[in-house]
Amino acid sequence: MSTLKLDELNSGQIVKRLAGFNGESLKQIAGTIGISPSALSQKCSGRISFSAEEIATLAEHFNVASDVLLGRAPLEVK
């Protein structure tokens, strides 16, 4: 198992990495949280912030703690 430090990434960059790890497109992730791909693109670039509800939904979807998505906790990769 390895640990990936995410403290230098914003939430959007972390979401992009997790999507890549899971083999999912950003369009699929946008559908998961009920927003348009364009809105997700803006959130991933840091122009718009994720809502608390979106963070909670993404954390559940990726099976990680919300703190991981917020860059407050490392991601352990098995």
N, C-alpha and C. Protein backbone atom coordinates (compact mmCIF):
# COMPACT_ATOMS: atom_id res chain seq x y z
N MET A 1 0.84 -1.16 0.00
CA MET A 1 0.00 0.00 0.00
C MET A 1 0.90 1.23 0.00
N SER A 2 0.50 2.25 -0.77
CA SER A 2 1.25 3.50 -0.78
C SER A 2 0.32 4.64 -0.41
N THR A 3 0.92 5.73 0.03
CA THR A 3 0.16 6.90 0.43
C THR A 3 0.46 8.03 -0.52
N LEU A 4 -0.59 8.67 -0.99
CA LEU A 4 -0.47 9.78 -1.93
C LEU A 4 -0.83 11.06 -1.19
N LYS A 5 0.12 11.98 -1.06
CA LYS A 5 -0.15 13.26 -0.40
C LYS A 5 -0.86 14.16 -1.40
N LEU A 6 -1.98 14.72 -0.96
CA LEU A 6 -2.79 15.53 -1.86
C LEU A 6 -2.89 16.98 -1.41
N ASP A 7 -2.08 17.38 -0.43
CA ASP A 7 -2.23 18.71 0.14
C ASP A 7 -1.88 19.84 -0.81
N GLU A 8 -1.23 19.57 -1.91
CA GLU A 8 -0.88 20.62 -2.86
C GLU A 8 -1.90 20.71 -4.00
N LEU A 9 -2.91 19.84 -3.98
CA LEU A 9 -3.91 19.82 -5.03
C LEU A 9 -5.22 20.42 -4.52
N ASN A 10 -5.99 21.04 -5.43
CA ASN A 10 -7.32 21.49 -5.03
C ASN A 10 -8.30 20.33 -5.17
N SER A 11 -9.49 20.51 -4.67
CA SER A 11 -10.49 19.43 -4.68
C SER A 11 -10.76 18.92 -6.09
N GLY A 12 -10.81 19.83 -7.05
CA GLY A 12 -11.06 19.43 -8.43
C GLY A 12 -9.97 18.55 -9.00
N GLN A 13 -8.73 18.88 -8.69
CA GLN A 13 -7.61 18.06 -9.16
C GLN A 13 -7.66 16.67 -8.51
N ILE A 14 -8.06 16.63 -7.26
CA ILE A 14 -8.18 15.34 -6.56
C ILE A 14 -9.29 14.51 -7.20
N VAL A 15 -10.42 15.14 -7.52
CA VAL A 15 -11.53 14.44 -8.17
C VAL A 15 -11.06 13.88 -9.52
N LYS A 16 -10.31 14.66 -10.28
CA LYS A 16 -9.80 14.20 -11.57
C LYS A 16 -8.91 12.96 -11.40
N ARG A 17 -8.04 12.99 -10.39
CA ARG A 17 -7.16 11.85 -10.15
C ARG A 17 -7.95 10.62 -9.74
N LEU A 18 -8.91 10.79 -8.84
CA LEU A 18 -9.71 9.65 -8.39
C LEU A 18 -10.52 9.07 -9.56
N ALA A 19 -11.05 9.93 -10.40
CA ALA A 19 -11.79 9.46 -11.57
C ALA A 19 -10.86 8.63 -12.46
N GLY A 20 -9.65 9.14 -12.66
CA GLY A 20 -8.68 8.40 -13.48
C GLY A 20 -8.32 7.06 -12.87
N PHE A 21 -8.12 7.03 -11.55
CA PHE A 21 -7.81 5.77 -10.87
C PHE A 21 -8.91 4.75 -11.07
N ASN A 22 -10.17 5.24 -11.12
CA ASN A 22 -11.32 4.36 -11.25
C ASN A 22 -11.73 4.11 -12.70
N GLY A 23 -11.02 4.72 -13.64
CA GLY A 23 -11.34 4.54 -15.06
C GLY A 23 -12.65 5.19 -15.46
N GLU A 24 -13.01 6.28 -14.78
CA GLU A 24 -14.25 6.98 -15.07
C GLU A 24 -13.96 8.30 -15.77
N SER A 25 -14.89 8.71 -16.61
CA SER A 25 -14.75 10.00 -17.29
C SER A 25 -15.32 11.10 -16.38
N LEU A 26 -14.91 12.32 -16.65
CA LEU A 26 -15.48 13.43 -15.89
C LEU A 26 -16.96 13.61 -16.20
N LYS A 27 -17.38 13.21 -17.39
CA LYS A 27 -18.81 13.26 -17.73
C LYS A 27 -19.59 12.32 -16.81
N GLN A 28 -19.04 11.13 -16.54
CA GLN A 28 -19.69 10.20 -15.62
C GLN A 28 -19.75 10.78 -14.21
N ILE A 29 -18.67 11.40 -13.78
CA ILE A 29 -18.62 11.99 -12.44
C ILE A 29 -19.63 13.12 -12.33
N ALA A 30 -19.73 13.94 -13.37
CA ALA A 30 -20.71 15.03 -13.37
C ALA A 30 -22.12 14.47 -13.18
N GLY A 31 -22.43 13.39 -13.87
CA GLY A 31 -23.74 12.75 -13.72
C GLY A 31 -23.97 12.22 -12.32
N THR A 32 -22.91 11.72 -11.71
CA THR A 32 -23.01 11.19 -10.35
C THR A 32 -23.44 12.26 -9.36
N ILE A 33 -22.94 13.47 -9.54
CA ILE A 33 -23.29 14.53 -8.59
C ILE A 33 -24.38 15.46 -9.12
N GLY A 34 -24.91 15.14 -10.30
CA GLY A 34 -26.07 15.86 -10.82
C GLY A 34 -25.78 17.25 -11.35
N ILE A 35 -24.60 17.43 -11.96
CA ILE A 35 -24.26 18.72 -12.57
C ILE A 35 -23.82 18.48 -14.01
N SER A 36 -23.72 19.54 -14.76
CA SER A 36 -23.29 19.40 -16.16
C SER A 36 -21.77 19.19 -16.21
N PRO A 37 -21.31 18.56 -17.28
CA PRO A 37 -19.86 18.41 -17.45
C PRO A 37 -19.14 19.76 -17.45
N SER A 38 -19.78 20.79 -18.00
CA SER A 38 -19.19 22.13 -18.01
C SER A 38 -19.01 22.67 -16.59
N ALA A 39 -20.01 22.48 -15.75
CA ALA A 39 -19.91 22.93 -14.35
C ALA A 39 -18.81 22.17 -13.63
N LEU A 40 -18.71 20.85 -13.89
CA LEU A 40 -17.65 20.07 -13.25
C LEU A 40 -16.28 20.55 -13.72
N SER A 41 -16.17 20.88 -14.98
CA SER A 41 -14.90 21.40 -15.51
C SER A 41 -14.49 22.67 -14.77
N GLN A 42 -15.45 23.55 -14.52
CA GLN A 42 -15.16 24.79 -13.80
C GLN A 42 -14.77 24.50 -12.35
N LYS A 43 -15.40 23.51 -11.74
CA LYS A 43 -15.08 23.14 -10.36
C LYS A 43 -13.68 22.50 -10.31
N CYS A 44 -13.36 21.68 -11.29
CA CYS A 44 -12.05 21.03 -11.31
C CYS A 44 -10.92 22.03 -11.56
N SER A 45 -11.22 23.10 -12.26
CA SER A 45 -10.20 24.12 -12.51
C SER A 45 -10.07 25.10 -11.34
N GLY A 46 -10.98 25.02 -10.39
CA GLY A 46 -10.92 25.89 -9.22
C GLY A 46 -11.68 27.19 -9.37
N ARG A 47 -12.36 27.38 -10.50
CA ARG A 47 -13.13 28.62 -10.69
C ARG A 47 -14.39 28.66 -9.84
N ILE A 48 -14.96 27.49 -9.58
CA ILE A 48 -16.16 27.37 -8.75
C ILE A 48 -15.85 26.31 -7.69
N SER A 49 -16.33 26.52 -6.48
CA SER A 49 -16.10 25.56 -5.40
C SER A 49 -17.17 24.47 -5.41
N PHE A 50 -16.79 23.29 -4.94
CA PHE A 50 -17.75 22.22 -4.74
C PHE A 50 -18.59 22.55 -3.51
N SER A 51 -19.86 22.20 -3.54
CA SER A 51 -20.71 22.38 -2.36
C SER A 51 -20.42 21.24 -1.38
N ALA A 52 -20.83 21.43 -0.15
CA ALA A 52 -20.65 20.39 0.87
C ALA A 52 -21.38 19.11 0.46
N GLU A 53 -22.55 19.25 -0.14
CA GLU A 53 -23.31 18.08 -0.59
C GLU A 53 -22.58 17.34 -1.71
N GLU A 54 -21.98 18.10 -2.63
CA GLU A 54 -21.22 17.48 -3.72
C GLU A 54 -20.00 16.74 -3.18
N ILE A 55 -19.30 17.34 -2.22
CA ILE A 55 -18.14 16.68 -1.60
C ILE A 55 -18.58 15.39 -0.93
N ALA A 56 -19.70 15.43 -0.20
CA ALA A 56 -20.20 14.24 0.48
C ALA A 56 -20.57 13.14 -0.52
N THR A 57 -21.22 13.53 -1.61
CA THR A 57 -21.61 12.55 -2.64
C THR A 57 -20.37 11.95 -3.30
N LEU A 58 -19.40 12.79 -3.62
CA LEU A 58 -18.16 12.29 -4.24
C LEU A 58 -17.38 11.39 -3.29
N ALA A 59 -17.33 11.75 -2.02
CA ALA A 59 -16.63 10.92 -1.04
C ALA A 59 -17.27 9.53 -0.97
N GLU A 60 -18.58 9.50 -0.97
CA GLU A 60 -19.28 8.21 -0.95
C GLU A 60 -19.02 7.45 -2.24
N HIS A 61 -19.08 8.14 -3.36
CA HIS A 61 -18.88 7.51 -4.67
C HIS A 61 -17.47 6.89 -4.77
N PHE A 62 -16.47 7.63 -4.33
CA PHE A 62 -15.09 7.16 -4.42
C PHE A 62 -14.66 6.32 -3.22
N ASN A 63 -15.56 6.21 -2.23
CA ASN A 63 -15.28 5.44 -1.01
C ASN A 63 -14.03 5.97 -0.29
N VAL A 64 -14.00 7.29 -0.13
CA VAL A 64 -12.92 7.96 0.60
C VAL A 64 -13.55 8.94 1.59
N ALA A 65 -12.78 9.38 2.55
CA ALA A 65 -13.25 10.39 3.49
C ALA A 65 -13.34 11.74 2.79
N SER A 66 -14.26 12.57 3.23
CA SER A 66 -14.38 13.92 2.68
C SER A 66 -13.08 14.69 2.82
N ASP A 67 -12.35 14.44 3.90
CA ASP A 67 -11.07 15.11 4.11
C ASP A 67 -10.07 14.82 3.00
N VAL A 68 -10.16 13.66 2.39
CA VAL A 68 -9.28 13.33 1.26
C VAL A 68 -9.58 14.27 0.10
N LEU A 69 -10.87 14.47 -0.19
CA LEU A 69 -11.25 15.35 -1.29
C LEU A 69 -10.91 16.80 -1.02
N LEU A 70 -10.86 17.16 0.25
CA LEU A 70 -10.52 18.53 0.61
C LEU A 70 -9.01 18.73 0.76
N GLY A 71 -8.23 17.66 0.55
CA GLY A 71 -6.77 17.75 0.64
C GLY A 71 -6.25 17.79 2.06
N ARG A 72 -7.09 17.41 3.01
CA ARG A 72 -6.70 17.45 4.42
C ARG A 72 -6.16 16.12 4.94
N ALA A 73 -6.35 15.06 4.16
CA ALA A 73 -5.89 13.73 4.56
C ALA A 73 -5.28 13.05 3.34
N PRO A 74 -4.27 12.21 3.57
CA PRO A 74 -3.65 11.51 2.44
C PRO A 74 -4.57 10.41 1.90
N LEU A 75 -4.37 10.06 0.67
CA LEU A 75 -5.10 8.98 0.05
C LEU A 75 -4.24 7.74 0.08
N GLU A 76 -4.76 6.69 0.66
CA GLU A 76 -4.01 5.42 0.68
C GLU A 76 -4.47 4.57 -0.50
N VAL A 77 -3.51 4.18 -1.31
CA VAL A 77 -3.78 3.40 -2.51
C VAL A 77 -3.29 1.99 -2.29
N LYS A 78 -4.18 1.04 -2.49
CA LYS A 78 -3.80 -0.37 -2.30
C LYS A 78 -3.41 -1.01 -3.60
